[in-house]
Amino acid sequence: MSSLIFYTEQEQAVIATDTLAVSPGGRPFTFTTKAFHVPHLRMLIAGTGCGGFLDRWLCYLNSQMIVPGIDALAVHAPAALKRLWDSYCTEYKIPEGRTTTVYHFGFSEASDTIKSNAFRSENGFVSEGRPYGIGVKPECTVPENYNLPDAFRPMMDEQRSIQRQRPAEDRIYIGGEIIVHHLVKAGCSTCSMGPFEDFVDDMKAIYSRFGPGGSHS
């Protein structure tokens, strides 16, 4: 589960994610990347929900999808994502009710402007076009006069606060650090806005899985 906050307009897309991945019980498991630049398609992809599925989609997209860009991909992605999800759920014995959502942000082959699509497992990965503007997952308040990327941290802090009030089994765990991707026609830049205040505690919990000393070496 993840924090995903994104902003799109005709000439750019800005995407922020956290980096914490947890075990099914909510224990910190690792730090990971939750959005990827796909340069040959002038796209970014991001994902929420079951960890590891976006990685699998990236590999499939990069090696087996022969498409010129985001418009063509929106046509062919639903069937490919469905096959990949069925295989993933079988391989990892994913319980019924667990979900994933894949997001595409990229420059259209037809209009040369940013387009965005969401593909949700609970909807059979039907392509859902998204309007320009800001989107957040999970919920939080969007400031009236937000300034990006500065607004990402207080928004994620609020997401974390809201999630802490929920039962552990229903909670979305957000942590690690904030990674920001900025896509424009010339390319994509990526930067870190720094860690959350519990980064060290999460890191210790991750390494503690390897026994005394907290080292995997």
N, C-alpha and C. Protein backbone atom coordinates (compact mmCIF):
# COMPACT_ATOMS: atom_id res chain seq x y z
N MET A 1 0.85 -1.18 0.00
CA MET A 1 0.00 0.00 0.00
C MET A 1 0.89 1.23 0.00
N SER A 2 0.37 2.35 -0.51
CA SER A 2 1.25 3.47 -0.80
C SER A 2 0.53 4.80 -0.64
N SER A 3 1.37 5.84 -0.53
CA SER A 3 0.89 7.20 -0.78
C SER A 3 1.24 7.56 -2.21
N LEU A 4 0.26 8.09 -2.91
CA LEU A 4 0.48 8.58 -4.27
C LEU A 4 -0.24 9.92 -4.39
N ILE A 5 0.51 10.96 -4.71
CA ILE A 5 -0.06 12.28 -4.96
C ILE A 5 0.47 12.74 -6.31
N PHE A 6 -0.42 13.17 -7.19
CA PHE A 6 0.04 13.57 -8.53
C PHE A 6 -0.69 14.82 -9.00
N TYR A 7 0.00 15.54 -9.86
CA TYR A 7 -0.57 16.74 -10.48
C TYR A 7 -0.27 16.69 -11.97
N THR A 8 -1.27 16.95 -12.78
CA THR A 8 -1.08 16.95 -14.23
C THR A 8 -1.68 18.19 -14.87
N GLU A 9 -1.04 18.65 -15.92
CA GLU A 9 -1.58 19.66 -16.82
C GLU A 9 -1.03 19.33 -18.20
N GLN A 10 -1.32 20.13 -19.19
CA GLN A 10 -0.97 19.76 -20.56
C GLN A 10 0.51 19.50 -20.76
N GLU A 11 1.37 20.26 -20.12
CA GLU A 11 2.80 20.20 -20.41
C GLU A 11 3.62 19.46 -19.37
N GLN A 12 3.01 18.96 -18.28
CA GLN A 12 3.82 18.32 -17.26
C GLN A 12 2.97 17.41 -16.37
N ALA A 13 3.68 16.46 -15.75
CA ALA A 13 3.09 15.62 -14.71
C ALA A 13 4.08 15.55 -13.56
N VAL A 14 3.59 15.72 -12.34
CA VAL A 14 4.41 15.65 -11.14
C VAL A 14 3.82 14.58 -10.24
N ILE A 15 4.64 13.60 -9.87
CA ILE A 15 4.16 12.46 -9.09
C ILE A 15 5.03 12.30 -7.86
N ALA A 16 4.41 12.15 -6.69
CA ALA A 16 5.13 11.92 -5.45
C ALA A 16 4.65 10.62 -4.81
N THR A 17 5.59 9.83 -4.33
CA THR A 17 5.25 8.59 -3.62
C THR A 17 6.11 8.48 -2.37
N ASP A 18 5.69 7.61 -1.47
CA ASP A 18 6.56 7.21 -0.37
C ASP A 18 7.37 6.00 -0.82
N THR A 19 8.16 5.41 0.07
CA THR A 19 9.02 4.29 -0.33
C THR A 19 8.88 3.07 0.57
N LEU A 20 7.98 3.09 1.55
CA LEU A 20 7.88 1.98 2.50
C LEU A 20 7.02 0.85 1.96
N ALA A 21 7.54 -0.37 2.04
CA ALA A 21 6.75 -1.56 1.76
C ALA A 21 6.66 -2.38 3.04
N VAL A 22 5.48 -2.90 3.34
CA VAL A 22 5.28 -3.64 4.58
C VAL A 22 4.81 -5.06 4.28
N SER A 23 4.95 -5.93 5.26
CA SER A 23 4.43 -7.28 5.17
C SER A 23 2.92 -7.24 5.32
N PRO A 24 2.21 -8.35 5.04
CA PRO A 24 0.75 -8.35 5.18
C PRO A 24 0.27 -7.90 6.56
N GLY A 25 1.07 -8.10 7.59
CA GLY A 25 0.66 -7.68 8.93
C GLY A 25 1.02 -6.25 9.26
N GLY A 26 1.67 -5.55 8.35
CA GLY A 26 2.01 -4.15 8.57
C GLY A 26 3.42 -3.91 9.06
N ARG A 27 4.22 -4.96 9.21
CA ARG A 27 5.60 -4.79 9.66
C ARG A 27 6.46 -4.27 8.51
N PRO A 28 7.32 -3.27 8.76
CA PRO A 28 8.20 -2.78 7.68
C PRO A 28 8.98 -3.93 7.06
N PHE A 29 8.97 -4.02 5.74
CA PHE A 29 9.60 -5.12 5.04
C PHE A 29 10.81 -4.66 4.22
N THR A 30 10.66 -3.54 3.51
CA THR A 30 11.76 -2.99 2.72
C THR A 30 11.41 -1.58 2.29
N PHE A 31 12.38 -0.89 1.72
CA PHE A 31 12.13 0.37 1.03
C PHE A 31 12.18 0.10 -0.46
N THR A 32 11.32 0.75 -1.22
CA THR A 32 11.19 0.41 -2.62
C THR A 32 10.76 1.63 -3.44
N THR A 33 10.95 1.55 -4.74
CA THR A 33 10.51 2.58 -5.67
C THR A 33 9.11 2.26 -6.16
N LYS A 34 8.20 3.23 -6.14
CA LYS A 34 6.80 3.01 -6.47
C LYS A 34 6.34 3.76 -7.72
N ALA A 35 7.28 4.37 -8.43
CA ALA A 35 6.98 5.01 -9.72
C ALA A 35 8.21 4.89 -10.58
N PHE A 36 8.02 4.69 -11.89
CA PHE A 36 9.13 4.48 -12.80
C PHE A 36 8.95 5.31 -14.06
N HIS A 37 10.06 5.84 -14.56
CA HIS A 37 10.09 6.55 -15.83
C HIS A 37 10.31 5.53 -16.94
N VAL A 38 9.53 5.63 -18.01
CA VAL A 38 9.68 4.76 -19.18
C VAL A 38 10.03 5.68 -20.35
N PRO A 39 11.31 5.97 -20.55
CA PRO A 39 11.69 7.03 -21.49
C PRO A 39 11.24 6.81 -22.93
N HIS A 40 11.31 5.57 -23.42
CA HIS A 40 10.99 5.36 -24.83
C HIS A 40 9.51 5.58 -25.13
N LEU A 41 8.66 5.58 -24.09
CA LEU A 41 7.24 5.86 -24.26
C LEU A 41 6.86 7.24 -23.73
N ARG A 42 7.85 8.00 -23.25
CA ARG A 42 7.61 9.35 -22.69
C ARG A 42 6.56 9.28 -21.59
N MET A 43 6.75 8.34 -20.68
CA MET A 43 5.74 8.05 -19.67
C MET A 43 6.35 7.87 -18.29
N LEU A 44 5.48 8.02 -17.28
CA LEU A 44 5.72 7.55 -15.93
C LEU A 44 4.63 6.54 -15.60
N ILE A 45 4.99 5.50 -14.86
CA ILE A 45 3.98 4.59 -14.33
C ILE A 45 4.12 4.56 -12.82
N ALA A 46 3.02 4.40 -12.14
CA ALA A 46 3.01 4.32 -10.68
C ALA A 46 1.96 3.30 -10.26
N GLY A 47 2.06 2.86 -9.03
CA GLY A 47 1.11 1.84 -8.58
C GLY A 47 0.83 1.93 -7.09
N THR A 48 -0.34 1.48 -6.71
CA THR A 48 -0.71 1.34 -5.31
C THR A 48 -1.30 -0.05 -5.12
N GLY A 49 -1.36 -0.47 -3.86
CA GLY A 49 -1.93 -1.79 -3.57
C GLY A 49 -0.83 -2.81 -3.37
N CYS A 50 -1.03 -4.01 -3.88
CA CYS A 50 -0.11 -5.12 -3.64
C CYS A 50 1.30 -4.79 -4.15
N GLY A 51 2.27 -4.90 -3.26
CA GLY A 51 3.64 -4.60 -3.61
C GLY A 51 4.21 -5.59 -4.61
N GLY A 52 5.03 -5.10 -5.50
CA GLY A 52 5.70 -5.95 -6.47
C GLY A 52 5.00 -6.07 -7.80
N PHE A 53 3.71 -5.76 -7.84
CA PHE A 53 3.00 -5.92 -9.12
C PHE A 53 3.45 -4.88 -10.13
N LEU A 54 3.69 -3.65 -9.69
CA LEU A 54 4.14 -2.61 -10.63
C LEU A 54 5.48 -2.98 -11.26
N ASP A 55 6.37 -3.59 -10.46
CA ASP A 55 7.66 -4.03 -10.99
C ASP A 55 7.46 -5.02 -12.13
N ARG A 56 6.52 -5.93 -11.92
CA ARG A 56 6.25 -6.93 -12.94
C ARG A 56 5.68 -6.27 -14.21
N TRP A 57 4.80 -5.29 -14.01
CA TRP A 57 4.24 -4.57 -15.16
C TRP A 57 5.31 -3.80 -15.91
N LEU A 58 6.25 -3.18 -15.18
CA LEU A 58 7.33 -2.46 -15.83
C LEU A 58 8.14 -3.39 -16.72
N CYS A 59 8.50 -4.56 -16.21
CA CYS A 59 9.29 -5.51 -17.01
C CYS A 59 8.52 -5.96 -18.25
N TYR A 60 7.22 -6.24 -18.06
CA TYR A 60 6.40 -6.68 -19.20
C TYR A 60 6.27 -5.56 -20.22
N LEU A 61 6.01 -4.36 -19.74
CA LEU A 61 5.85 -3.20 -20.62
C LEU A 61 7.13 -2.94 -21.41
N ASN A 62 8.25 -3.09 -20.77
CA ASN A 62 9.52 -2.75 -21.38
C ASN A 62 10.02 -3.82 -22.36
N SER A 63 9.54 -5.06 -22.21
CA SER A 63 10.09 -6.14 -23.03
C SER A 63 9.09 -6.79 -23.98
N GLN A 64 7.78 -6.63 -23.72
CA GLN A 64 6.80 -7.38 -24.50
C GLN A 64 5.67 -6.54 -25.11
N MET A 65 5.56 -5.28 -24.74
CA MET A 65 4.51 -4.42 -25.30
C MET A 65 5.10 -3.58 -26.42
N ILE A 66 4.61 -3.79 -27.65
CA ILE A 66 5.11 -3.03 -28.80
C ILE A 66 4.07 -1.95 -29.12
N VAL A 67 4.23 -0.80 -28.50
CA VAL A 67 3.30 0.32 -28.66
C VAL A 67 4.09 1.61 -28.79
N PRO A 68 3.54 2.62 -29.48
CA PRO A 68 4.27 3.87 -29.68
C PRO A 68 4.14 4.85 -28.51
N GLY A 69 3.16 4.64 -27.63
CA GLY A 69 2.97 5.60 -26.55
C GLY A 69 1.75 5.30 -25.71
N ILE A 70 1.38 6.28 -24.90
CA ILE A 70 0.35 6.09 -23.89
C ILE A 70 -1.03 5.85 -24.49
N ASP A 71 -1.34 6.44 -25.65
CA ASP A 71 -2.66 6.24 -26.25
C ASP A 71 -2.85 4.78 -26.67
N ALA A 72 -1.89 4.25 -27.40
CA ALA A 72 -1.99 2.85 -27.83
C ALA A 72 -1.93 1.91 -26.64
N LEU A 73 -1.14 2.26 -25.66
CA LEU A 73 -1.01 1.41 -24.48
C LEU A 73 -2.34 1.31 -23.72
N ALA A 74 -3.11 2.40 -23.70
CA ALA A 74 -4.40 2.38 -23.00
C ALA A 74 -5.35 1.36 -23.61
N VAL A 75 -5.17 1.08 -24.90
CA VAL A 75 -6.02 0.10 -25.58
C VAL A 75 -5.62 -1.32 -25.22
N HIS A 76 -4.32 -1.57 -25.16
CA HIS A 76 -3.81 -2.94 -24.99
C HIS A 76 -3.51 -3.31 -23.54
N ALA A 77 -3.35 -2.31 -22.67
CA ALA A 77 -2.96 -2.59 -21.28
C ALA A 77 -4.00 -3.40 -20.50
N PRO A 78 -5.32 -3.15 -20.63
CA PRO A 78 -6.27 -3.88 -19.78
C PRO A 78 -6.13 -5.39 -19.87
N ALA A 79 -6.06 -5.94 -21.07
CA ALA A 79 -5.95 -7.40 -21.20
C ALA A 79 -4.62 -7.89 -20.66
N ALA A 80 -3.55 -7.16 -20.95
CA ALA A 80 -2.23 -7.58 -20.47
C ALA A 80 -2.14 -7.51 -18.95
N LEU A 81 -2.67 -6.45 -18.38
CA LEU A 81 -2.67 -6.32 -16.92
C LEU A 81 -3.49 -7.42 -16.27
N LYS A 82 -4.63 -7.76 -16.86
CA LYS A 82 -5.48 -8.81 -16.31
C LYS A 82 -4.74 -10.14 -16.29
N ARG A 83 -4.07 -10.50 -17.38
CA ARG A 83 -3.31 -11.75 -17.42
C ARG A 83 -2.19 -11.74 -16.38
N LEU A 84 -1.50 -10.62 -16.30
CA LEU A 84 -0.39 -10.51 -15.37
C LEU A 84 -0.87 -10.59 -13.92
N TRP A 85 -2.00 -9.96 -13.63
CA TRP A 85 -2.57 -9.97 -12.27
C TRP A 85 -3.02 -11.36 -11.88
N ASP A 86 -3.68 -12.07 -12.79
CA ASP A 86 -4.12 -13.43 -12.48
C ASP A 86 -2.92 -14.31 -12.16
N SER A 87 -1.86 -14.19 -12.94
CA SER A 87 -0.65 -14.97 -12.70
C SER A 87 0.00 -14.58 -11.37
N TYR A 88 0.05 -13.30 -11.10
CA TYR A 88 0.65 -12.79 -9.86
C TYR A 88 -0.12 -13.31 -8.64
N CYS A 89 -1.44 -13.23 -8.69
CA CYS A 89 -2.27 -13.67 -7.56
C CYS A 89 -2.11 -15.17 -7.30
N THR A 90 -2.00 -15.94 -8.39
CA THR A 90 -1.80 -17.38 -8.24
C THR A 90 -0.43 -17.68 -7.65
N GLU A 91 0.59 -17.03 -8.17
CA GLU A 91 1.96 -17.29 -7.72
C GLU A 91 2.16 -16.94 -6.26
N TYR A 92 1.60 -15.82 -5.82
CA TYR A 92 1.82 -15.35 -4.46
C TYR A 92 0.64 -15.63 -3.53
N LYS A 93 -0.34 -16.37 -4.02
CA LYS A 93 -1.51 -16.74 -3.21
C LYS A 93 -2.14 -15.50 -2.56
N ILE A 94 -2.41 -14.50 -3.40
CA ILE A 94 -2.98 -13.24 -2.93
C ILE A 94 -4.42 -13.49 -2.48
N PRO A 95 -4.78 -13.14 -1.25
CA PRO A 95 -6.15 -13.37 -0.76
C PRO A 95 -7.17 -12.60 -1.58
N GLU A 96 -8.35 -13.16 -1.70
CA GLU A 96 -9.44 -12.46 -2.39
C GLU A 96 -9.75 -11.16 -1.68
N GLY A 97 -9.96 -10.14 -2.45
CA GLY A 97 -10.24 -8.83 -1.88
C GLY A 97 -9.06 -7.88 -1.92
N ARG A 98 -7.84 -8.42 -2.06
CA ARG A 98 -6.68 -7.55 -2.22
C ARG A 98 -6.69 -6.97 -3.63
N THR A 99 -6.25 -5.73 -3.77
CA THR A 99 -6.35 -5.04 -5.05
C THR A 99 -5.05 -4.33 -5.40
N THR A 100 -4.98 -3.89 -6.63
CA THR A 100 -3.88 -3.04 -7.07
C THR A 100 -4.42 -2.06 -8.10
N THR A 101 -3.78 -0.93 -8.21
CA THR A 101 -4.12 0.06 -9.24
C THR A 101 -2.83 0.53 -9.89
N VAL A 102 -2.83 0.56 -11.22
CA VAL A 102 -1.69 1.04 -11.99
C VAL A 102 -2.08 2.35 -12.65
N TYR A 103 -1.19 3.33 -12.58
CA TYR A 103 -1.42 4.64 -13.18
C TYR A 103 -0.39 4.88 -14.27
N HIS A 104 -0.85 5.46 -15.39
CA HIS A 104 0.02 5.87 -16.48
C HIS A 104 -0.09 7.38 -16.65
N PHE A 105 1.04 8.04 -16.79
CA PHE A 105 1.10 9.47 -17.09
C PHE A 105 2.09 9.65 -18.24
N GLY A 106 1.67 10.28 -19.32
CA GLY A 106 2.60 10.42 -20.42
C GLY A 106 2.10 11.34 -21.51
N PHE A 107 2.97 11.60 -22.47
CA PHE A 107 2.63 12.49 -23.58
C PHE A 107 1.96 11.70 -24.69
N SER A 108 0.77 12.14 -25.08
CA SER A 108 -0.03 11.49 -26.10
C SER A 108 0.66 11.51 -27.46
N GLU A 109 0.57 10.39 -28.19
CA GLU A 109 1.06 10.35 -29.56
C GLU A 109 0.26 11.28 -30.47
N ALA A 110 -1.02 11.47 -30.16
CA ALA A 110 -1.90 12.26 -31.03
C ALA A 110 -1.80 13.76 -30.76
N SER A 111 -1.83 14.14 -29.48
CA SER A 111 -1.91 15.57 -29.15
C SER A 111 -0.60 16.16 -28.63
N ASP A 112 0.37 15.31 -28.27
CA ASP A 112 1.63 15.74 -27.70
C ASP A 112 1.44 16.48 -26.38
N THR A 113 0.34 16.19 -25.70
CA THR A 113 0.08 16.73 -24.37
C THR A 113 -0.09 15.57 -23.38
N ILE A 114 -0.01 15.90 -22.10
CA ILE A 114 -0.09 14.88 -21.06
C ILE A 114 -1.47 14.22 -21.04
N LYS A 115 -1.47 12.91 -20.96
CA LYS A 115 -2.68 12.12 -20.71
C LYS A 115 -2.43 11.24 -19.49
N SER A 116 -3.50 10.91 -18.78
CA SER A 116 -3.39 10.06 -17.59
C SER A 116 -4.47 9.00 -17.62
N ASN A 117 -4.10 7.79 -17.19
CA ASN A 117 -5.05 6.69 -17.13
C ASN A 117 -4.83 5.90 -15.84
N ALA A 118 -5.92 5.41 -15.28
CA ALA A 118 -5.86 4.52 -14.13
C ALA A 118 -6.45 3.17 -14.53
N PHE A 119 -5.84 2.09 -14.02
CA PHE A 119 -6.28 0.73 -14.30
C PHE A 119 -6.42 0.02 -12.96
N ARG A 120 -7.65 -0.28 -12.56
CA ARG A 120 -7.93 -0.85 -11.23
C ARG A 120 -8.29 -2.32 -11.36
N SER A 121 -7.67 -3.14 -10.53
CA SER A 121 -7.94 -4.57 -10.60
C SER A 121 -9.39 -4.88 -10.29
N GLU A 122 -10.00 -4.13 -9.37
CA GLU A 122 -11.39 -4.40 -9.01
C GLU A 122 -12.36 -4.08 -10.15
N ASN A 123 -11.91 -3.31 -11.15
CA ASN A 123 -12.73 -2.99 -12.32
C ASN A 123 -12.28 -3.75 -13.56
N GLY A 124 -11.48 -4.79 -13.37
CA GLY A 124 -10.99 -5.54 -14.52
C GLY A 124 -9.95 -4.81 -15.33
N PHE A 125 -9.30 -3.81 -14.73
CA PHE A 125 -8.25 -3.03 -15.38
C PHE A 125 -8.75 -2.26 -16.60
N VAL A 126 -10.03 -1.90 -16.62
CA VAL A 126 -10.54 -1.02 -17.66
C VAL A 126 -9.80 0.31 -17.61
N SER A 127 -9.45 0.85 -18.76
CA SER A 127 -8.73 2.12 -18.80
C SER A 127 -9.65 3.27 -18.42
N GLU A 128 -9.27 4.02 -17.39
CA GLU A 128 -10.04 5.17 -16.92
C GLU A 128 -9.23 6.44 -17.15
N GLY A 129 -9.65 7.27 -18.09
CA GLY A 129 -8.98 8.54 -18.31
C GLY A 129 -9.20 9.48 -17.14
N ARG A 130 -8.18 10.24 -16.79
CA ARG A 130 -8.27 11.15 -15.65
C ARG A 130 -8.13 12.59 -16.12
N PRO A 131 -8.86 13.52 -15.50
CA PRO A 131 -8.77 14.93 -15.88
C PRO A 131 -7.49 15.55 -15.35
N TYR A 132 -7.15 16.72 -15.87
CA TYR A 132 -6.02 17.47 -15.33
C TYR A 132 -6.33 17.93 -13.91
N GLY A 133 -5.28 18.14 -13.15
CA GLY A 133 -5.45 18.59 -11.78
C GLY A 133 -4.69 17.69 -10.82
N ILE A 134 -5.09 17.72 -9.58
CA ILE A 134 -4.40 16.98 -8.54
C ILE A 134 -5.21 15.76 -8.11
N GLY A 135 -4.51 14.68 -7.80
CA GLY A 135 -5.14 13.47 -7.31
C GLY A 135 -4.36 12.95 -6.11
N VAL A 136 -5.07 12.36 -5.16
CA VAL A 136 -4.42 11.85 -3.96
C VAL A 136 -4.96 10.47 -3.63
N LYS A 137 -4.08 9.63 -3.09
CA LYS A 137 -4.48 8.31 -2.61
C LYS A 137 -3.47 7.88 -1.55
N PRO A 138 -3.91 7.60 -0.32
CA PRO A 138 -5.27 7.67 0.20
C PRO A 138 -5.70 9.12 0.44
N GLU A 139 -6.85 9.29 1.06
CA GLU A 139 -7.44 10.62 1.18
C GLU A 139 -6.62 11.55 2.06
N CYS A 140 -6.67 12.83 1.74
CA CYS A 140 -6.13 13.89 2.57
C CYS A 140 -6.69 15.20 2.03
N THR A 141 -6.47 16.26 2.77
CA THR A 141 -6.94 17.58 2.36
C THR A 141 -6.00 18.16 1.30
N VAL A 142 -6.57 18.69 0.24
CA VAL A 142 -5.79 19.39 -0.77
C VAL A 142 -5.85 20.88 -0.45
N PRO A 143 -4.73 21.51 -0.13
CA PRO A 143 -4.76 22.95 0.20
C PRO A 143 -5.32 23.77 -0.95
N GLU A 144 -5.98 24.88 -0.62
CA GLU A 144 -6.59 25.72 -1.66
C GLU A 144 -5.54 26.30 -2.59
N ASN A 145 -4.45 26.80 -2.03
CA ASN A 145 -3.41 27.42 -2.85
C ASN A 145 -2.11 26.65 -2.65
N TYR A 146 -2.11 25.40 -3.14
CA TYR A 146 -0.94 24.56 -2.91
C TYR A 146 0.19 24.94 -3.86
N ASN A 147 1.40 24.72 -3.38
CA ASN A 147 2.61 24.96 -4.17
C ASN A 147 3.40 23.66 -4.19
N LEU A 148 3.61 23.13 -5.39
CA LEU A 148 4.34 21.87 -5.52
C LEU A 148 5.79 22.15 -5.89
N PRO A 149 6.71 21.38 -5.33
CA PRO A 149 6.50 20.17 -4.54
C PRO A 149 6.34 20.37 -3.04
N ASP A 150 6.38 21.65 -2.57
CA ASP A 150 6.37 21.90 -1.12
C ASP A 150 5.17 21.29 -0.41
N ALA A 151 4.02 21.22 -1.10
CA ALA A 151 2.79 20.73 -0.46
C ALA A 151 2.79 19.22 -0.25
N PHE A 152 3.69 18.50 -0.90
CA PHE A 152 3.65 17.05 -0.79
C PHE A 152 3.85 16.56 0.65
N ARG A 153 4.80 17.14 1.36
CA ARG A 153 5.07 16.63 2.71
C ARG A 153 3.90 16.84 3.66
N PRO A 154 3.35 18.05 3.80
CA PRO A 154 2.20 18.17 4.72
C PRO A 154 1.01 17.31 4.30
N MET A 155 0.80 17.11 3.00
CA MET A 155 -0.29 16.24 2.57
C MET A 155 -0.02 14.79 2.96
N MET A 156 1.20 14.32 2.78
CA MET A 156 1.52 12.95 3.18
C MET A 156 1.50 12.80 4.70
N ASP A 157 1.93 13.84 5.41
CA ASP A 157 1.85 13.78 6.87
C ASP A 157 0.40 13.61 7.33
N GLU A 158 -0.51 14.30 6.65
CA GLU A 158 -1.92 14.15 7.00
C GLU A 158 -2.42 12.75 6.64
N GLN A 159 -2.01 12.23 5.49
CA GLN A 159 -2.38 10.86 5.14
C GLN A 159 -1.93 9.89 6.22
N ARG A 160 -0.71 10.03 6.69
CA ARG A 160 -0.18 9.15 7.73
C ARG A 160 -0.99 9.27 9.01
N SER A 161 -1.35 10.50 9.37
CA SER A 161 -2.13 10.72 10.58
C SER A 161 -3.50 10.06 10.48
N ILE A 162 -4.16 10.21 9.33
CA ILE A 162 -5.47 9.59 9.13
C ILE A 162 -5.37 8.08 9.21
N GLN A 163 -4.35 7.52 8.57
CA GLN A 163 -4.22 6.06 8.55
C GLN A 163 -3.90 5.48 9.92
N ARG A 164 -3.20 6.22 10.75
CA ARG A 164 -2.88 5.73 12.09
C ARG A 164 -4.13 5.56 12.95
N GLN A 165 -5.20 6.24 12.60
CA GLN A 165 -6.46 6.11 13.36
C GLN A 165 -7.26 4.89 12.95
N ARG A 166 -6.85 4.20 11.93
CA ARG A 166 -7.61 3.07 11.40
C ARG A 166 -7.10 1.76 12.00
N PRO A 167 -7.96 0.73 12.02
CA PRO A 167 -7.50 -0.59 12.48
C PRO A 167 -6.32 -1.07 11.66
N ALA A 168 -5.42 -1.79 12.30
CA ALA A 168 -4.18 -2.21 11.64
C ALA A 168 -4.46 -2.96 10.34
N GLU A 169 -5.52 -3.78 10.33
CA GLU A 169 -5.80 -4.58 9.15
C GLU A 169 -6.34 -3.76 7.98
N ASP A 170 -6.83 -2.55 8.25
CA ASP A 170 -7.37 -1.70 7.19
C ASP A 170 -6.46 -0.51 6.87
N ARG A 171 -5.33 -0.46 7.51
CA ARG A 171 -4.48 0.72 7.42
C ARG A 171 -3.58 0.68 6.19
N ILE A 172 -3.34 1.85 5.62
CA ILE A 172 -2.32 2.02 4.58
C ILE A 172 -1.08 2.57 5.26
N TYR A 173 0.02 1.85 5.12
CA TYR A 173 1.26 2.21 5.80
C TYR A 173 2.11 3.06 4.86
N ILE A 174 2.45 4.25 5.32
CA ILE A 174 3.19 5.23 4.52
C ILE A 174 4.45 5.60 5.26
N GLY A 175 5.59 5.55 4.58
CA GLY A 175 6.83 5.87 5.27
C GLY A 175 8.02 5.86 4.34
N GLY A 176 9.20 5.76 4.94
CA GLY A 176 10.43 5.83 4.16
C GLY A 176 10.78 7.26 3.86
N GLU A 177 10.78 7.62 2.60
CA GLU A 177 11.04 9.00 2.18
C GLU A 177 10.09 9.38 1.05
N ILE A 178 10.06 10.64 0.71
CA ILE A 178 9.20 11.14 -0.37
C ILE A 178 10.04 11.28 -1.63
N ILE A 179 9.64 10.58 -2.68
CA ILE A 179 10.32 10.66 -3.97
C ILE A 179 9.39 11.38 -4.95
N VAL A 180 9.94 12.37 -5.65
CA VAL A 180 9.17 13.19 -6.59
C VAL A 180 9.72 12.99 -8.00
N HIS A 181 8.82 12.72 -8.95
CA HIS A 181 9.16 12.59 -10.36
C HIS A 181 8.47 13.72 -11.12
N HIS A 182 9.22 14.39 -12.01
CA HIS A 182 8.67 15.51 -12.78
C HIS A 182 8.88 15.22 -14.26
N LEU A 183 7.79 14.96 -14.97
CA LEU A 183 7.85 14.62 -16.39
C LEU A 183 7.46 15.82 -17.24
N VAL A 184 8.35 16.19 -18.17
CA VAL A 184 8.08 17.22 -19.17
C VAL A 184 8.54 16.66 -20.51
N LYS A 185 8.33 17.41 -21.59
CA LYS A 185 8.69 16.90 -22.92
C LYS A 185 10.17 16.58 -23.05
N ALA A 186 11.00 17.34 -22.38
CA ALA A 186 12.44 17.12 -22.49
C ALA A 186 12.92 15.89 -21.75
N GLY A 187 12.10 15.37 -20.84
CA GLY A 187 12.51 14.20 -20.08
C GLY A 187 11.91 14.19 -18.69
N CYS A 188 12.57 13.48 -17.79
CA CYS A 188 12.04 13.31 -16.44
C CYS A 188 13.15 13.51 -15.42
N SER A 189 12.86 14.26 -14.38
CA SER A 189 13.81 14.43 -13.28
C SER A 189 13.22 13.80 -12.02
N THR A 190 14.08 13.29 -11.17
CA THR A 190 13.66 12.62 -9.95
C THR A 190 14.48 13.15 -8.79
N CYS A 191 13.80 13.40 -7.66
CA CYS A 191 14.53 13.86 -6.48
C CYS A 191 13.85 13.34 -5.22
N SER A 192 14.59 13.36 -4.13
CA SER A 192 14.05 13.01 -2.82
C SER A 192 13.78 14.27 -2.03
N MET A 193 12.63 14.31 -1.36
CA MET A 193 12.33 15.41 -0.46
C MET A 193 12.70 15.05 0.97
N GLY A 194 13.40 13.94 1.13
CA GLY A 194 13.89 13.56 2.45
C GLY A 194 12.99 12.56 3.16
N PRO A 195 13.50 11.98 4.24
CA PRO A 195 12.77 10.92 4.94
C PRO A 195 11.71 11.45 5.90
N PHE A 196 10.80 10.55 6.27
CA PHE A 196 9.89 10.83 7.37
C PHE A 196 10.63 10.66 8.69
N GLU A 197 10.02 11.17 9.77
CA GLU A 197 10.73 11.19 11.05
C GLU A 197 10.95 9.78 11.62
N ASP A 198 10.19 8.79 11.17
CA ASP A 198 10.36 7.43 11.68
C ASP A 198 11.16 6.56 10.71
N PHE A 199 11.91 7.17 9.81
CA PHE A 199 12.68 6.42 8.83
C PHE A 199 13.66 5.46 9.51
N VAL A 200 14.40 5.94 10.50
CA VAL A 200 15.40 5.10 11.16
C VAL A 200 14.74 3.94 11.88
N ASP A 201 13.60 4.19 12.54
CA ASP A 201 12.89 3.10 13.21
C ASP A 201 12.44 2.04 12.22
N ASP A 202 11.92 2.49 11.08
CA ASP A 202 11.50 1.53 10.05
C ASP A 202 12.70 0.76 9.51
N MET A 203 13.81 1.44 9.32
CA MET A 203 15.00 0.77 8.81
C MET A 203 15.48 -0.29 9.80
N LYS A 204 15.47 0.02 11.08
CA LYS A 204 15.88 -0.96 12.09
C LYS A 204 14.94 -2.16 12.08
N ALA A 205 13.63 -1.89 11.92
CA ALA A 205 12.67 -2.99 11.88
C ALA A 205 12.90 -3.88 10.67
N ILE A 206 13.26 -3.27 9.55
CA ILE A 206 13.55 -4.05 8.33
C ILE A 206 14.77 -4.94 8.55
N TYR A 207 15.86 -4.38 9.07
CA TYR A 207 17.09 -5.15 9.25
C TYR A 207 16.97 -6.18 10.37
N SER A 208 16.05 -5.94 11.32
CA SER A 208 15.90 -6.90 12.42
C SER A 208 15.42 -8.25 11.94
N ARG A 209 14.86 -8.31 10.74
CA ARG A 209 14.42 -9.60 10.19
C ARG A 209 15.59 -10.54 9.94
N PHE A 210 16.80 -9.98 9.87
CA PHE A 210 17.98 -10.79 9.54
C PHE A 210 18.72 -11.27 10.78
N GLY A 211 18.13 -11.06 11.96
CA GLY A 211 18.72 -11.61 13.16
C GLY A 211 19.54 -10.61 13.94
N PRO A 212 20.27 -11.08 14.96
CA PRO A 212 21.06 -10.20 15.83
C PRO A 212 22.01 -9.34 15.01
N GLY A 213 22.08 -8.08 15.39
CA GLY A 213 22.94 -7.15 14.67
C GLY A 213 22.25 -6.45 13.53
N GLY A 214 21.10 -6.98 13.07
CA GLY A 214 20.32 -6.32 12.04
C GLY A 214 21.02 -6.23 10.72
N SER A 215 21.83 -7.20 10.39
CA SER A 215 22.56 -7.16 9.11
C SER A 215 22.20 -8.38 8.29
N HIS A 216 22.10 -8.20 6.97
CA HIS A 216 21.81 -9.32 6.09
C HIS A 216 23.06 -9.91 5.48
N SER A 217 24.22 -9.37 5.84
CA SER A 217 25.47 -9.87 5.26
C SER A 217 25.99 -11.10 6.01
